C-alpha atoms as a PDB file:
ATOM      1  CA  MET A   1     131.674  72.946-134.223  1.00  0.00           C
ATOM      2  CA  ARG A   2     131.153  69.595-132.552  1.00  0.00           C
ATOM      3  CA  ASN A   3     129.333  71.224-129.612  1.00  0.00           C
ATOM      4  CA  PHE A   4     126.964  72.970-132.012  1.00  0.00           C
ATOM      5  CA  LYS A   5     126.180  69.632-133.673  1.00  0.00           C
ATOM      6  CA  ILE A   6     125.450  67.988-130.315  1.00  0.00           C
ATOM      7  CA  VAL A   7     123.172  70.850-129.300  1.00  0.00           C
ATOM      8  CA  GLY A   8     121.426  70.618-132.656  1.00  0.00           C
ATOM      9  CA  ILE A   9     120.857  66.884-132.253  1.00  0.00           C
ATOM     10  CA  PHE A  10     119.404  67.294-128.751  1.00  0.00           C
ATOM     11  CA  LEU A  11     117.169  70.131-129.949  1.00  0.00           C
ATOM     12  CA  ALA A  12     115.866  68.007-132.803  1.00  0.00           C
ATOM     13  CA  ILE A  13     115.157  65.106-130.425  1.00  0.00           C
ATOM     14  CA  PHE A  14     113.360  67.453-128.005  1.00  0.00           C
ATOM     15  CA  LEU A  15     111.156  68.917-130.722  1.00  0.00           C
ATOM     16  CA  LEU A  16     110.340  65.453-132.049  1.00  0.00           C
ATOM     17  CA  ALA A  17     109.418  64.272-128.556  1.00  0.00           C
ATOM     18  CA  GLN A  18     107.131  67.256-128.085  1.00  0.00           C
ATOM     19  CA  SER A  19     105.399  66.639-131.413  1.00  0.00           C
ATOM     20  CA  CYS A  20     104.859  62.981-130.494  1.00  0.00           C
ATOM     21  CA  GLY A  21     103.445  63.910-127.110  1.00  0.00           C
ATOM     22  CA  PHE A  22     106.336  62.990-124.807  1.00  0.00           C
ATOM     23  CA  GLY A  23     107.009  65.032-121.719  1.00  0.00           C
ATOM     24  CA  GLY A  24     103.435  65.985-120.814  1.00  0.00           C
ATOM     25  CA  PRO A  25     101.273  68.797-122.117  1.00  0.00           C
ATOM     26  CA  ALA A  26     102.832  72.215-122.594  1.00  0.00           C
ATOM     27  CA  GLY A  27      99.388  73.799-122.674  1.00  0.00           C
ATOM     28  CA  GLY A  28      95.952  72.286-123.161  1.00  0.00           C
ATOM     29  CA  GLY A  29      94.777  68.690-122.982  1.00  0.00           C
ATOM     30  CA  ILE A  30      92.485  66.752-120.677  1.00  0.00           C
ATOM     31  CA  TYR A  31      92.560  66.576-116.871  1.00  0.00           C
ATOM     32  CA  LYS A  32      90.577  64.318-114.562  1.00  0.00           C
ATOM     33  CA  SER A  33      89.472  64.330-110.937  1.00  0.00           C
ATOM     34  CA  GLU A  34      88.195  61.276-109.073  1.00  0.00           C
ATOM     35  CA  ASP A  35      87.349  63.067-105.828  1.00  0.00           C
ATOM     36  CA  THR A  36      84.734  65.686-106.813  1.00  0.00           C
ATOM     37  CA  GLY A  37      87.326  68.222-107.883  1.00  0.00           C
ATOM     38  CA  GLU A  38      89.615  68.087-104.855  1.00  0.00           C
ATOM     39  CA  THR A  39      92.634  66.962-106.878  1.00  0.00           C
ATOM     40  CA  TRP A  40      93.320  66.950-110.613  1.00  0.00           C
ATOM     41  CA  GLY A  41      95.785  65.105-112.815  1.00  0.00           C
ATOM     42  CA  VAL A  42      96.552  64.938-116.508  1.00  0.00           C
ATOM     43  CA  SER A  43      94.806  61.981-118.168  1.00  0.00           C
ATOM     44  CA  ASP A  44      96.015  61.883-121.748  1.00  0.00           C
ATOM     45  CA  LYS A  45      97.681  58.553-122.571  1.00  0.00           C
ATOM     46  CA  LEU A  46      97.142  57.115-126.028  1.00  0.00           C
ATOM     47  CA  ALA A  47      95.492  53.690-126.181  1.00  0.00           C
ATOM     48  CA  ARG A  48      97.892  52.423-128.849  1.00  0.00           C
ATOM     49  CA  ASP A  49     100.978  53.152-126.727  1.00  0.00           C
ATOM     50  CA  SER A  50     100.852  54.124-123.068  1.00  0.00           C
ATOM     51  CA  GLU A  51     104.261  55.798-123.420  1.00  0.00           C
ATOM     52  CA  LEU A  52     102.718  58.396-125.728  1.00  0.00           C
ATOM     53  CA  SER A  53     100.230  61.118-124.835  1.00  0.00           C
ATOM     54  CA  LEU A  54      97.885  63.484-126.603  1.00  0.00           C
ATOM     55  CA  GLY A  55     100.326  66.295-125.959  1.00  0.00           C
ATOM     56  CA  PRO A  56      99.335  69.974-125.776  1.00  0.00           C
ATOM     57  CA  VAL A  57      96.127  69.766-127.825  1.00  0.00           C
ATOM     58  CA  HIS A  58      93.829  72.790-127.852  1.00  0.00           C
ATOM     59  CA  SER A  59      90.672  71.215-126.435  1.00  0.00           C
ATOM     60  CA  ILE A  60      87.460  73.159-125.971  1.00  0.00           C
ATOM     61  CA  GLY A  61      84.993  70.532-124.828  1.00  0.00           C
ATOM     62  CA  VAL A  62      84.445  67.124-123.294  1.00  0.00           C
ATOM     63  CA  GLU A  63      81.331  64.961-123.623  1.00  0.00           C
ATOM     64  CA  VAL A  64      80.394  61.927-121.511  1.00  0.00           C
ATOM     65  CA  ASP A  65      78.210  59.234-123.075  1.00  0.00           C
ATOM     66  CA  GLU A  66      75.111  59.064-120.854  1.00  0.00           C
ATOM     67  CA  VAL A  67      74.323  55.496-121.941  1.00  0.00           C
ATOM     68  CA  ASN A  68      77.837  54.228-121.204  1.00  0.00           C
ATOM     69  CA  PRO A  69      79.770  56.825-119.185  1.00  0.00           C
ATOM     70  CA  LYS A  70      83.024  54.925-119.696  1.00  0.00           C
ATOM     71  CA  ASN A  71      82.931  56.472-123.177  1.00  0.00           C
ATOM     72  CA  VAL A  72      84.260  60.025-123.093  1.00  0.00           C
ATOM     73  CA  TYR A  73      84.821  62.308-126.097  1.00  0.00           C
ATOM     74  CA  LEU A  74      87.401  65.097-126.231  1.00  0.00           C
ATOM     75  CA  ILE A  75      86.823  67.960-128.675  1.00  0.00           C
ATOM     76  CA  ALA A  76      90.362  68.851-129.737  1.00  0.00           C
ATOM     77  CA  THR A  77      89.709  71.434-132.513  1.00  0.00           C
ATOM     78  CA  THR A  78      92.555  71.211-135.053  1.00  0.00           C
ATOM     79  CA  SER A  79      93.573  67.809-133.641  1.00  0.00           C
ATOM     80  CA  GLY A  80      90.078  66.444-134.289  1.00  0.00           C
ATOM     81  CA  LEU A  81      88.008  64.231-131.999  1.00  0.00           C
ATOM     82  CA  TYR A  82      89.342  61.724-129.464  1.00  0.00           C
ATOM     83  CA  LYS A  83      87.508  58.940-127.674  1.00  0.00           C
ATOM     84  CA  SER A  84      88.229  57.154-124.412  1.00  0.00           C
ATOM     85  CA  GLN A  85      86.544  53.861-123.540  1.00  0.00           C
ATOM     86  CA  ASP A  86      87.952  53.709-120.019  1.00  0.00           C
ATOM     87  CA  GLN A  87      86.807  56.978-118.405  1.00  0.00           C
ATOM     88  CA  GLY A  88      89.669  59.042-119.732  1.00  0.00           C
ATOM     89  CA  THR A  89      92.564  56.738-118.899  1.00  0.00           C
ATOM     90  CA  THR A  90      93.545  56.211-122.548  1.00  0.00           C
ATOM     91  CA  TRP A  91      92.505  57.902-125.792  1.00  0.00           C
ATOM     92  CA  THR A  92      92.172  57.119-129.488  1.00  0.00           C
ATOM     93  CA  GLY A  93      91.809  59.594-132.333  1.00  0.00           C
ATOM     94  CA  ILE A  94      88.567  58.783-134.165  1.00  0.00           C
ATOM     95  CA  LEU A  95      88.094  61.810-136.448  1.00  0.00           C
ATOM     96  CA  GLN A  96      91.240  63.706-137.345  1.00  0.00           C
ATOM     97  CA  ASN A  97      90.798  65.040-140.865  1.00  0.00           C
ATOM     98  CA  ALA A  98      88.627  67.915-139.675  1.00  0.00           C
ATOM     99  CA  GLU A  99      88.701  70.745-137.156  1.00  0.00           C
ATOM    100  CA  ILE A 100      86.126  69.598-134.588  1.00  0.00           C
ATOM    101  CA  MET A 101      84.279  72.121-132.421  1.00  0.00           C
ATOM    102  CA  ALA A 102      81.227  70.217-131.107  1.00  0.00           C
ATOM    103  CA  VAL A 103      79.963  66.686-130.483  1.00  0.00           C
ATOM    104  CA  SER A 104      76.695  65.077-129.383  1.00  0.00           C
ATOM    105  CA  VAL A 105      75.905  61.426-128.650  1.00  0.00           C
ATOM    106  CA  ASN A 106      72.447  60.014-129.317  1.00  0.00           C
ATOM    107  CA  PRO A 107      71.073  59.404-125.783  1.00  0.00           C
ATOM    108  CA  LYS A 108      68.855  56.565-127.027  1.00  0.00           C
ATOM    109  CA  ASN A 109      71.485  54.875-129.226  1.00  0.00           C
ATOM    110  CA  ASN A 110      75.044  55.666-128.251  1.00  0.00           C
ATOM    111  CA  SER A 111      76.426  54.065-131.403  1.00  0.00           C
ATOM    112  CA  GLU A 112      75.278  57.223-133.203  1.00  0.00           C
ATOM    113  CA  ILE A 113      77.499  60.270-132.766  1.00  0.00           C
ATOM    114  CA  PHE A 114      77.431  63.674-134.455  1.00  0.00           C
ATOM    115  CA  ALA A 115      80.580  65.795-134.658  1.00  0.00           C
ATOM    116  CA  GLY A 116      80.693  69.299-136.110  1.00  0.00           C
ATOM    117  CA  GLY A 117      83.377  71.745-137.135  1.00  0.00           C
ATOM    118  CA  ARG A 118      84.914  72.704-140.446  1.00  0.00           C
ATOM    119  CA  VAL A 119      87.080  71.408-143.269  1.00  0.00           C
ATOM    120  CA  GLY A 120      88.826  73.710-145.697  1.00  0.00           C
ATOM    121  CA  GLY A 121      86.945  76.766-144.452  1.00  0.00           C
ATOM    122  CA  LEU A 122      83.509  75.121-144.835  1.00  0.00           C
ATOM    123  CA  ALA A 123      81.211  74.205-141.960  1.00  0.00           C
ATOM    124  CA  LYS A 124      80.699  70.435-141.739  1.00  0.00           C
ATOM    125  CA  LEU A 125      78.747  67.922-139.666  1.00  0.00           C
ATOM    126  CA  PHE A 126      79.701  64.248-139.575  1.00  0.00           C
ATOM    127  CA  ARG A 127      77.708  61.249-138.363  1.00  0.00           C
ATOM    128  CA  SER A 128      78.952  57.908-137.116  1.00  0.00           C
ATOM    129  CA  GLN A 129      76.671  54.930-136.546  1.00  0.00           C
ATOM    130  CA  ASP A 130      79.341  52.631-135.130  1.00  0.00           C
ATOM    131  CA  GLU A 131      80.642  54.551-132.096  1.00  0.00           C
ATOM    132  CA  GLY A 132      83.131  56.550-134.116  1.00  0.00           C
ATOM    133  CA  GLN A 133      84.783  53.857-136.209  1.00  0.00           C
ATOM    134  CA  THR A 134      83.519  55.291-139.507  1.00  0.00           C
ATOM    135  CA  TRP A 135      82.020  58.649-140.458  1.00  0.00           C
ATOM    136  CA  ILE A 136      79.953  60.210-143.224  1.00  0.00           C
ATOM    137  CA  GLU A 137      79.350  63.877-143.948  1.00  0.00           C
ATOM    138  CA  VAL A 138      75.708  64.877-143.424  1.00  0.00           C
ATOM    139  CA  PHE A 139      75.899  68.680-143.578  1.00  0.00           C
ATOM    140  CA  SER A 140      78.057  71.185-145.434  1.00  0.00           C
ATOM    141  CA  GLU A 141      77.735  74.960-145.510  1.00  0.00           C
ATOM    142  CA  SER A 142      78.377  76.318-148.997  1.00  0.00           C
ATOM    143  CA  ARG A 143      79.903  79.631-147.894  1.00  0.00           C
ATOM    144  CA  GLY A 144      83.675  79.526-147.924  1.00  0.00           C
ATOM    145  CA  ASP A 145      84.169  82.117-145.179  1.00  0.00           C
ATOM    146  CA  ASN A 146      85.571  79.870-142.429  1.00  0.00           C
ATOM    147  CA  THR A 147      82.115  79.305-140.960  1.00  0.00           C
ATOM    148  CA  PHE A 148      82.043  76.272-138.683  1.00  0.00           C
ATOM    149  CA  VAL A 149      79.538  74.149-136.803  1.00  0.00           C
ATOM    150  CA  SER A 150      79.960  75.421-133.257  1.00  0.00           C
ATOM    151  CA  ALA A 151      77.187  73.495-131.451  1.00  0.00           C
ATOM    152  CA  VAL A 152      75.212  70.300-131.983  1.00  0.00           C
ATOM    153  CA  GLU A 153      72.411  68.663-130.007  1.00  0.00           C
ATOM    154  CA  VAL A 154      70.538  65.398-130.504  1.00  0.00           C
ATOM    155  CA  MET A 155      67.035  65.903-129.120  1.00  0.00           C
ATOM    156  CA  PRO A 156      66.769  63.446-126.195  1.00  0.00           C
ATOM    157  CA  ASN A 157      63.111  62.526-126.683  1.00  0.00           C
ATOM    158  CA  SER A 158      63.203  62.565-130.495  1.00  0.00           C
ATOM    159  CA  PRO A 159      66.769  61.540-131.421  1.00  0.00           C
ATOM    160  CA  GLU A 160      66.078  61.719-135.141  1.00  0.00           C
ATOM    161  CA  VAL A 161      65.848  65.508-134.659  1.00  0.00           C
ATOM    162  CA  ILE A 162      69.251  67.219-134.741  1.00  0.00           C
ATOM    163  CA  LEU A 163      69.930  70.900-134.065  1.00  0.00           C
ATOM    164  CA  ILE A 164      73.202  72.530-135.061  1.00  0.00           C
ATOM    165  CA  GLY A 165      74.450  76.050-134.433  1.00  0.00           C
ATOM    166  CA  LEU A 166      76.897  77.868-136.681  1.00  0.00           C
ATOM    167  CA  SER A 167      79.622  80.355-135.880  1.00  0.00           C
ATOM    168  CA  THR A 168      77.637  82.917-137.872  1.00  0.00           C
ATOM    169  CA  GLY A 169      74.563  82.550-135.635  1.00  0.00           C
ATOM    170  CA  GLU A 170      72.284  80.314-137.690  1.00  0.00           C
ATOM    171  CA  ILE A 171      70.447  77.423-136.049  1.00  0.00           C
ATOM    172  CA  VAL A 172      69.672  74.626-138.487  1.00  0.00           C
ATOM    173  CA  ARG A 173      67.483  71.558-137.917  1.00  0.00           C
ATOM    174  CA  SER A 174      67.194  68.076-139.353  1.00  0.00           C
ATOM    175  CA  LEU A 175      64.128  65.919-138.733  1.00  0.00           C
ATOM    176  CA  ASN A 176      65.667  62.759-140.186  1.00  0.00           C
ATOM    177  CA  SER A 177      69.062  62.213-138.539  1.00  0.00           C
ATOM    178  CA  GLY A 178      70.871  64.515-140.922  1.00  0.00           C
ATOM    179  CA  LEU A 179      69.479  63.492-144.303  1.00  0.00           C
ATOM    180  CA  SER A 180      68.021  66.979-144.923  1.00  0.00           C
ATOM    181  CA  TRP A 181      68.162  70.359-143.178  1.00  0.00           C
ATOM    182  CA  ASN A 182      66.208  73.593-142.846  1.00  0.00           C
ATOM    183  CA  LEU A 183      67.113  76.956-141.316  1.00  0.00           C
ATOM    184  CA  LEU A 184      65.223  77.619-138.084  1.00  0.00           C
ATOM    185  CA  SER A 185      66.535  80.945-136.855  1.00  0.00           C
ATOM    186  CA  THR A 186      69.501  83.291-136.787  1.00  0.00           C
ATOM    187  CA  LEU A 187      70.972  84.572-133.534  1.00  0.00           C
ATOM    188  CA  VAL A 188      73.597  87.304-133.210  1.00  0.00           C
ATOM    189  CA  GLY A 189      77.138  85.930-133.229  1.00  0.00           C
ATOM    190  CA  ARG A 190      78.491  82.451-132.676  1.00  0.00           C
ATOM    191  CA  VAL A 191      76.171  79.820-131.251  1.00  0.00           C
ATOM    192  CA  MET A 192      78.192  78.504-128.318  1.00  0.00           C
ATOM    193  CA  LYS A 193      75.932  75.728-127.068  1.00  0.00           C
ATOM    194  CA  ILE A 194      72.513  74.134-127.602  1.00  0.00           C
ATOM    195  CA  THR A 195      70.752  71.895-125.078  1.00  0.00           C
ATOM    196  CA  ALA A 196      67.321  70.279-125.143  1.00  0.00           C
ATOM    197  CA  SER A 197      65.282  69.474-122.044  1.00  0.00           C
ATOM    198  CA  GLU A 198      64.685  65.835-121.179  1.00  0.00           C
ATOM    199  CA  ASN A 199      61.631  66.673-119.084  1.00  0.00           C
ATOM    200  CA  GLN A 200      60.061  69.305-121.362  1.00  0.00           C
ATOM    201  CA  SER A 201      60.332  67.864-124.849  1.00  0.00           C
ATOM    202  CA  SER A 202      59.762  71.126-126.733  1.00  0.00           C
ATOM    203  CA  VAL A 203      62.120  73.299-124.646  1.00  0.00           C
ATOM    204  CA  VAL A 204      65.506  74.113-126.185  1.00  0.00           C
ATOM    205  CA  THR A 205      68.100  76.579-124.897  1.00  0.00           C
ATOM    206  CA  ALA A 206      70.903  78.151-126.931  1.00  0.00           C
ATOM    207  CA  LEU A 207      73.787  80.438-126.036  1.00  0.00           C
ATOM    208  CA  SER A 208      74.966  83.269-128.286  1.00  0.00           C
ATOM    209  CA  LEU A 209      78.503  84.499-127.699  1.00  0.00           C
ATOM    210  CA  LYS A 210      77.388  88.108-128.186  1.00  0.00           C
ATOM    211  CA  ASN A 211      73.770  88.209-127.009  1.00  0.00           C
ATOM    212  CA  GLY A 212      73.528  85.623-124.270  1.00  0.00           C
ATOM    213  CA  LEU A 213      70.870  83.041-123.515  1.00  0.00           C
ATOM    214  CA  TYR A 214      67.902  82.188-125.738  1.00  0.00           C
ATOM    215  CA  ARG A 215      65.063  79.778-125.020  1.00  0.00           C
ATOM    216  CA  SER A 216      62.550  78.162-127.334  1.00  0.00           C
ATOM    217  CA  ASN A 217      59.333  76.519-126.180  1.00  0.00           C
ATOM    218  CA  ASN A 218      58.529  74.970-129.564  1.00  0.00           C
ATOM    219  CA  GLY A 219      61.578  72.928-130.483  1.00  0.00           C
ATOM    220  CA  GLY A 220      63.622  75.799-131.850  1.00  0.00           C
ATOM    221  CA  ALA A 221      61.122  77.359-134.248  1.00  0.00           C
ATOM    222  CA  GLU A 222      60.936  80.597-132.216  1.00  0.00           C
ATOM    223  CA  TRP A 223      63.364  82.022-129.673  1.00  0.00           C
ATOM    224  CA  SER A 224      63.212  84.538-126.831  1.00  0.00           C
ATOM    225  CA  ASN A 225      66.252  86.136-125.245  1.00  0.00           C
ATOM    226  CA  ILE A 226      66.165  85.443-121.493  1.00  0.00           C
ATOM    227  CA  THR A 227      69.464  87.131-120.581  1.00  0.00           C
ATOM    228  CA  GLY A 228      67.564  90.029-119.042  1.00  0.00           C
ATOM    229  CA  SER A 229      69.655  92.229-116.778  1.00  0.00           C
ATOM    230  CA  VAL A 230      72.925  90.349-117.356  1.00  0.00           C
ATOM    231  CA  LYS A 231      75.177  92.603-119.430  1.00  0.00           C
ATOM    232  CA  ALA A 232      78.484  91.320-120.789  1.00  0.00           C
ATOM    233  CA  SER A 233      80.519  91.558-123.972  1.00  0.00           C
ATOM    234  CA  GLN A 234      80.774  87.758-124.192  1.00  0.00           C
ATOM    235  CA  TYR A 235      78.666  84.905-122.817  1.00  0.00           C
ATOM    236  CA  LEU A 236      80.747  81.754-122.490  1.00  0.00           C
ATOM    237  CA  ASP A 237      78.720  78.860-121.074  1.00  0.00           C
ATOM    238  CA  PHE A 238      75.492  77.882-119.351  1.00  0.00           C
ATOM    239  CA  GLU A 239      73.988  74.948-117.524  1.00  0.00           C
ATOM    240  CA  SER A 240      70.351  74.193-116.826  1.00  0.00           C
ATOM    241  CA  VAL A 241      69.056  72.353-113.772  1.00  0.00           C
ATOM    242  CA  LYS A 242      67.245  69.232-114.964  1.00  0.00           C
ATOM    243  CA  THR A 243      64.990  68.990-111.915  1.00  0.00           C
ATOM    244  CA  ASN A 244      63.940  72.633-112.245  1.00  0.00           C
ATOM    245  CA  GLY A 245      63.106  73.731-115.776  1.00  0.00           C
ATOM    246  CA  SER A 246      63.206  77.391-114.751  1.00  0.00           C
ATOM    247  CA  ALA A 247      66.755  77.434-113.333  1.00  0.00           C
ATOM    248  CA  TYR A 248      69.952  78.276-115.225  1.00  0.00           C
ATOM    249  CA  TYR A 249      73.548  79.191-114.459  1.00  0.00           C
ATOM    250  CA  LEU A 250      75.190  81.552-116.954  1.00  0.00           C
ATOM    251  CA  SER A 251      78.921  82.225-117.197  1.00  0.00           C
ATOM    252  CA  THR A 252      80.230  85.408-118.799  1.00  0.00           C
ATOM    253  CA  VAL A 253      83.406  87.465-119.040  1.00  0.00           C
ATOM    254  CA  LYS A 254      81.942  89.521-116.168  1.00  0.00           C
ATOM    255  CA  GLY A 255      81.253  86.630-113.814  1.00  0.00           C
ATOM    256  CA  LEU A 256      78.685  83.943-112.975  1.00  0.00           C
ATOM    257  CA  TYR A 257      74.904  84.440-112.752  1.00  0.00           C
ATOM    258  CA  ARG A 258      71.893  82.384-111.679  1.00  0.00           C
ATOM    259  CA  THR A 259      68.188  82.574-112.438  1.00  0.00           C
ATOM    260  CA  GLY A 260      65.344  80.551-110.975  1.00  0.00           C
ATOM    261  CA  ASP A 261      62.578  82.000-113.115  1.00  0.00           C
ATOM    262  CA  VAL A 262      63.687  81.535-116.748  1.00  0.00           C
ATOM    263  CA  GLY A 263      65.609  84.807-116.801  1.00  0.00           C
ATOM    264  CA  GLY A 264      62.965  86.981-115.180  1.00  0.00           C
ATOM    265  CA  THR A 265      65.517  87.897-112.535  1.00  0.00           C
ATOM    266  CA  TRP A 266      69.232  87.175-112.331  1.00  0.00           C
ATOM    267  CA  GLN A 267      71.577  87.109-109.352  1.00  0.00           C
ATOM    268  CA  GLN A 268      75.334  87.484-109.711  1.00  0.00           C
ATOM    269  CA  LEU A 269      77.180  84.868-107.677  1.00  0.00           C
ATOM    270  CA  GLU A 270      80.255  86.235-105.940  1.00  0.00           C
ATOM    271  CA  LEU A 271      83.272  84.024-106.515  1.00  0.00           C
ATOM    272  CA  PRO A 272      86.195  84.443-104.075  1.00  0.00           C
ATOM    273  CA  SER A 273      88.556  85.384-106.881  1.00  0.00           C
ATOM    274  CA  HIS A 274      91.819  87.243-106.449  1.00  0.00           C
ATOM    275  CA  GLN A 275      92.641  86.976-110.151  1.00  0.00           C
ATOM    276  CA  SER A 276      92.731  89.827-112.604  1.00  0.00           C
ATOM    277  CA  SER A 277      90.301  87.967-114.860  1.00  0.00           C
ATOM    278  CA  THR A 278      86.581  87.771-114.120  1.00  0.00           C
ATOM    279  CA  ALA A 279      85.818  85.538-117.117  1.00  0.00           C
ATOM    280  CA  VAL A 280      84.071  82.348-116.023  1.00  0.00           C
ATOM    281  CA  SER A 281      84.931  80.047-118.902  1.00  0.00           C
ATOM    282  CA  ALA A 282      82.814  77.058-117.841  1.00  0.00           C
ATOM    283  CA  VAL A 283      80.068  76.054-115.427  1.00  0.00           C
ATOM    284  CA  THR A 284      78.428  72.730-114.614  1.00  0.00           C
ATOM    285  CA  VAL A 285      75.896  71.279-112.169  1.00  0.00           C
ATOM    286  CA  ASN A 286      75.903  67.919-110.434  1.00  0.00           C
ATOM    287  CA  GLN A 287      72.447  66.915-111.654  1.00  0.00           C
ATOM    288  CA  SER A 288      72.135  64.214-108.984  1.00  0.00           C
ATOM    289  CA  LYS A 289      72.738  66.904-106.340  1.00  0.00           C
ATOM    290  CA  PRO A 290      71.662  70.212-107.974  1.00  0.00           C
ATOM    291  CA  SER A 291      72.985  72.440-105.198  1.00  0.00           C
ATOM    292  CA  GLU A 292      76.519  71.338-106.136  1.00  0.00           C
ATOM    293  CA  ILE A 293      77.933  73.781-108.692  1.00  0.00           C
ATOM    294  CA  TYR A 294      81.334  74.064-110.352  1.00  0.00           C
ATOM    295  CA  ALA A 295      82.679  77.126-112.168  1.00  0.00           C
ATOM    296  CA  VAL A 296      86.104  77.917-113.596  1.00  0.00           C
ATOM    297  CA  ILE A 297      88.230  81.026-114.012  1.00  0.00           C
ATOM    298  CA  GLU A 298      91.398  80.221-115.965  1.00  0.00           C
ATOM    299  CA  LEU A 299      92.785  77.207-113.995  1.00  0.00           C
ATOM    300  CA  THR A 300      90.919  77.747-110.725  1.00  0.00           C
ATOM    301  CA  VAL A 301      87.958  75.446-110.089  1.00  0.00           C
ATOM    302  CA  TYR A 302      85.273  76.880-107.787  1.00  0.00           C
ATOM    303  CA  LYS A 303      82.983  74.422-106.014  1.00  0.00           C
ATOM    304  CA  SER A 304      79.778  75.256-104.167  1.00  0.00           C
ATOM    305  CA  THR A 305      77.561  72.797-102.311  1.00  0.00           C
ATOM    306  CA  ASP A 306      74.878  75.374-101.499  1.00  0.00           C
ATOM    307  CA  ALA A 307      73.907  76.642-104.962  1.00  0.00           C
ATOM    308  CA  GLY A 308      76.525  79.383-105.054  1.00  0.00           C
ATOM    309  CA  ILE A 309      76.281  80.921-101.583  1.00  0.00           C
ATOM    310  CA  THR A 310      79.732  79.753-100.460  1.00  0.00           C
ATOM    311  CA  TRP A 311      82.680  78.407-102.458  1.00  0.00           C
ATOM    312  CA  GLN A 312      85.815  76.304-102.175  1.00  0.00           C
ATOM    313  CA  THR A 313      88.688  76.662-104.651  1.00  0.00           C
ATOM    314  CA  ARG A 314      91.141  74.224-106.172  1.00  0.00           C
ATOM    315  CA  ILE A 315      93.877  74.923-108.738  1.00  0.00           C
ATOM    316  CA  ILE A 316      94.635  72.677-111.702  1.00  0.00           C
ATOM    317  CA  SER A 317      98.428  72.656-112.073  1.00  0.00           C
ATOM    318  CA  ALA A 318      98.674  73.049-115.813  1.00  0.00           C
ATOM    319  CA  VAL A 319      99.207  75.519-118.630  1.00  0.00           C
ATOM    320  CA  GLY A 320      96.198  76.871-120.500  1.00  0.00           C
ATOM    321  CA  THR A 321      92.600  77.731-119.665  1.00  0.00           C
ATOM    322  CA  VAL A 322      89.798  75.360-118.710  1.00  0.00           C
ATOM    323  CA  ARG A 323      87.336  75.619-121.596  1.00  0.00           C
ATOM    324  CA  ASP A 324      84.870  72.977-120.402  1.00  0.00           C
ATOM    325  CA  ILE A 325      84.169  70.974-117.273  1.00  0.00           C
ATOM    326  CA  MET A 326      82.016  67.846-117.138  1.00  0.00           C
ATOM    327  CA  ILE A 327      80.697  65.535-114.415  1.00  0.00           C
ATOM    328  CA  ASP A 328      80.275  61.797-114.979  1.00  0.00           C
ATOM    329  CA  PRO A 329      76.489  61.290-114.632  1.00  0.00           C
ATOM    330  CA  ALA A 330      76.870  57.777-113.197  1.00  0.00           C
ATOM    331  CA  GLU A 331      79.816  58.490-110.887  1.00  0.00           C
ATOM    332  CA  PRO A 332      79.639  62.198-110.020  1.00  0.00           C
ATOM    333  CA  ASN A 333      82.883  62.018-108.066  1.00  0.00           C
ATOM    334  CA  ILE A 334      84.590  61.734-111.472  1.00  0.00           C
ATOM    335  CA  MET A 335      85.072  64.976-113.375  1.00  0.00           C
ATOM    336  CA  TYR A 336      86.844  66.051-116.564  1.00  0.00           C
ATOM    337  CA  ALA A 337      88.353  69.396-117.540  1.00  0.00           C
ATOM    338  CA  ALA A 338      89.209  70.250-121.149  1.00  0.00           C
ATOM    339  CA  LEU A 339      92.079  72.724-121.399  1.00  0.00           C
ATOM    340  CA  GLY A 340      92.959  74.946-124.309  1.00  0.00           C
ATOM    341  CA  LEU A 341      93.619  78.512-125.302  1.00  0.00           C
ATOM    342  CA  PRO A 342      91.356  81.317-124.024  1.00  0.00           C
ATOM    343  CA  LEU A 343      88.432  82.200-126.300  1.00  0.00           C
END
């Protein structure tokens, strides 16, 4: 009987340690590279106690503050939103009473942050005007059907204009920093991502999980599908090239594609994959060197320095799937990978 008690005590201690974040992530979390993706390491210590970590949080996105790239935000779904003020070395939970699915920082005033997700089955958007110290609710969807805010974008040239995408396909806009909202359009399926062009103020691009890539030339009032010949059951991520408003990279469950003419023609990029999966969960571009591309299948990071003609591969030693990959705009040798469950 005594042996059973000892085993029970050790089991209880182990489970408590896991729940507190000891022992490293069992699946999910945040990883960082400081050498352009050559090597990766877990980077999940809590600011309040360096002996504790985030643990195996299901993270689906990471956002770097363009004004102050030392500020990094981790979208941790049911664990909320975390912030690092030291380029991912330590983290603090700043919004943890909601399931967070998207975040956007005002590129003109980085004290203002918008975070979207859901609470109690209702889609919600929250705004902070003090870098995440306090939050107010600025949008709530009345339908109680587990709809959530799945994408949010602060327009870079008009930061009072906010676009949000819902898991049910609606794109909603505010012209006054979230005080009021109007429905712009409805896409098919979850809105995965919305980005606005810095160089073409009226150009907005949105990704539908089911129907692929849409582009608007009038701020989101009207949309055209530019997916063209790319056929897939799910479209997972995209990245535009800031120096070329016609170029996009599109990741799908069937692989990675590139267009240089706003979707008029698409080329599939052949990744040297020996995995059973072909799902490219994330893609990003080094905007200071646009021929440098990164794509991910599960835990394998693919790097190209010639716009996708040839590739190098590196493995992140972890458990989970890379759901997002981000390059520090000021120090592009620094990269972040958000790990979570597959979509």
